[in-house]
Amino acid sequence: MSADRRASWLKGVLDLLVLAGLTAGESYGYEIAKTLAGAGLGEIKGGTLYPVLNRLEAAGLVSAEFRVADRGPGRRYYHLTDAGRATLAEQGGLWLEFDESVRKMLTEGVER
């Protein structure tokens, strides 16, 4: 299967994955990307991640705070809002139902 297919799958669920990545607490872009990569999702470049974070912030699902660093550049720290938690619970449940349907179809297709 081509990497292009995986990229399109990821694009469809990246918002939820970012929200899920913030359930443990605040984080900044590079750390969020490392968390996603550590989960086996591959490298998520800033040109993909930051528009997602901006969209989630505009929708009120995350809040952001810029902090000046003692050394190096400042960072925007992202926090999951109550609306973000509710959206994650609802949409995450729908995704898991969809995933179950896909798994069932793929399994039955193999068993035929």
Protein backbone atom coordinates (compact mmCIF):
# COMPACT_ATOMS: atom_id res chain seq x y z
CA MET A 1 0.00 0.00 0.00
CA SER A 2 1.39 3.38 -0.85
CA ALA A 3 2.34 6.01 1.69
CA ASP A 4 -0.16 8.32 -0.02
CA ARG A 5 -3.02 6.12 1.21
CA ARG A 6 -1.75 6.23 4.80
CA ALA A 7 -1.42 10.01 4.56
CA SER A 8 -5.06 10.35 3.50
CA TRP A 9 -6.19 8.09 6.34
CA LEU A 10 -4.18 10.18 8.80
CA LYS A 11 -5.59 13.42 7.44
CA GLY A 12 -9.10 12.19 8.21
CA VAL A 13 -8.35 11.49 11.88
CA LEU A 14 -5.51 13.88 12.76
CA ASP A 15 -7.77 16.35 14.59
CA LEU A 16 -8.93 13.58 16.91
CA LEU A 17 -5.39 12.31 17.42
CA VAL A 18 -4.18 15.78 18.40
CA LEU A 19 -7.07 16.15 20.85
CA ALA A 20 -6.29 12.71 22.27
CA GLY A 21 -2.64 13.66 22.60
CA LEU A 22 -3.60 16.59 24.81
CA THR A 23 -5.67 14.58 27.30
CA ALA A 24 -2.61 14.03 29.50
CA GLY A 25 -1.99 17.77 29.76
CA GLU A 26 -0.63 20.76 27.92
CA SER A 27 1.94 20.40 25.18
CA TYR A 28 3.54 22.33 22.34
CA GLY A 29 3.75 21.54 18.64
CA TYR A 30 7.06 19.69 18.53
CA GLU A 31 6.12 17.53 21.51
CA ILE A 32 2.72 16.77 19.99
CA ALA A 33 4.45 15.68 16.77
CA LYS A 34 6.84 13.46 18.78
CA THR A 35 3.88 11.89 20.62
CA LEU A 36 2.15 11.10 17.32
CA ALA A 37 5.36 9.66 15.86
CA GLY A 38 5.87 7.59 19.01
CA ALA A 39 2.39 6.14 18.54
CA GLY A 40 3.49 4.80 15.15
CA LEU A 41 1.85 7.47 13.01
CA GLY A 42 5.02 8.64 11.33
CA GLU A 43 6.50 12.09 11.10
CA ILE A 44 3.91 14.86 11.16
CA LYS A 45 5.49 17.97 9.72
CA GLY A 46 4.76 21.45 11.03
CA GLY A 47 3.03 22.39 7.78
CA THR A 48 0.46 19.71 8.58
CA LEU A 49 0.29 19.97 12.37
CA TYR A 50 0.07 23.73 12.93
CA PRO A 51 -2.95 24.28 10.66
CA VAL A 52 -4.71 21.52 12.67
CA LEU A 53 -3.81 23.23 15.95
CA ASN A 54 -4.98 26.60 14.59
CA ARG A 55 -8.26 25.07 13.41
CA LEU A 56 -8.83 23.38 16.77
CA GLU A 57 -8.10 26.65 18.56
CA ALA A 58 -10.47 28.62 16.30
CA ALA A 59 -13.18 26.03 17.04
CA GLY A 60 -12.63 26.43 20.79
CA LEU A 61 -11.47 22.84 21.22
CA VAL A 62 -8.02 23.84 22.42
CA SER A 63 -6.66 27.01 23.96
CA ALA A 64 -3.14 28.25 23.43
CA GLU A 65 -0.73 30.32 25.46
CA PHE A 66 2.58 31.70 24.24
CA ARG A 67 5.42 31.46 26.76
CA VAL A 68 8.80 33.09 26.52
CA ALA A 69 11.61 30.62 27.17
CA ASP A 70 14.69 31.27 29.30
CA ARG A 71 16.81 29.91 26.45
CA GLY A 72 15.78 29.54 22.84
CA PRO A 73 12.57 30.60 21.18
CA GLY A 74 9.24 30.89 22.97
CA ARG A 75 6.55 28.26 22.46
CA ARG A 76 2.79 28.08 22.16
CA TYR A 77 1.43 25.61 24.67
CA TYR A 78 -1.89 24.00 23.81
CA HIS A 79 -4.50 22.88 26.34
CA LEU A 80 -7.60 20.79 25.76
CA THR A 81 -10.78 22.72 26.61
CA ASP A 82 -14.00 21.24 28.00
CA ALA A 83 -15.46 21.53 24.51
CA GLY A 84 -12.42 19.68 23.17
CA ARG A 85 -12.92 16.88 25.68
CA ALA A 86 -16.59 16.59 24.76
CA THR A 87 -15.77 16.56 21.04
CA LEU A 88 -13.07 13.94 21.58
CA ALA A 89 -15.49 11.73 23.51
CA GLU A 90 -18.23 12.04 20.88
CA GLN A 91 -16.14 11.93 17.71
CA GLY A 92 -13.70 9.41 19.17
CA GLY A 93 -16.61 7.07 19.86
CA LEU A 94 -17.86 7.49 16.29
CA TRP A 95 -14.35 6.80 14.96
CA LEU A 96 -14.10 3.62 17.04
CA GLU A 97 -17.46 2.43 15.67
CA PHE A 98 -16.22 3.14 12.15
CA ASP A 99 -12.95 1.34 12.87
CA GLU A 100 -14.89 -1.68 14.15
CA SER A 101 -16.95 -1.76 10.94
CA VAL A 102 -13.83 -1.54 8.78
CA ARG A 103 -12.10 -4.29 10.78
CA LYS A 104 -15.17 -6.51 10.49
CA MET A 105 -15.37 -5.99 6.75
CA LEU A 106 -11.67 -6.64 6.25
CA THR A 107 -11.80 -9.76 8.43
CA GLU A 108 -14.88 -11.15 6.72
CA GLY A 109 -13.35 -10.40 3.34
CA VAL A 110 -10.30 -12.48 4.28
CA GLU A 111 -12.41 -15.35 5.66
CA ARG A 112 -14.52 -15.78 2.50
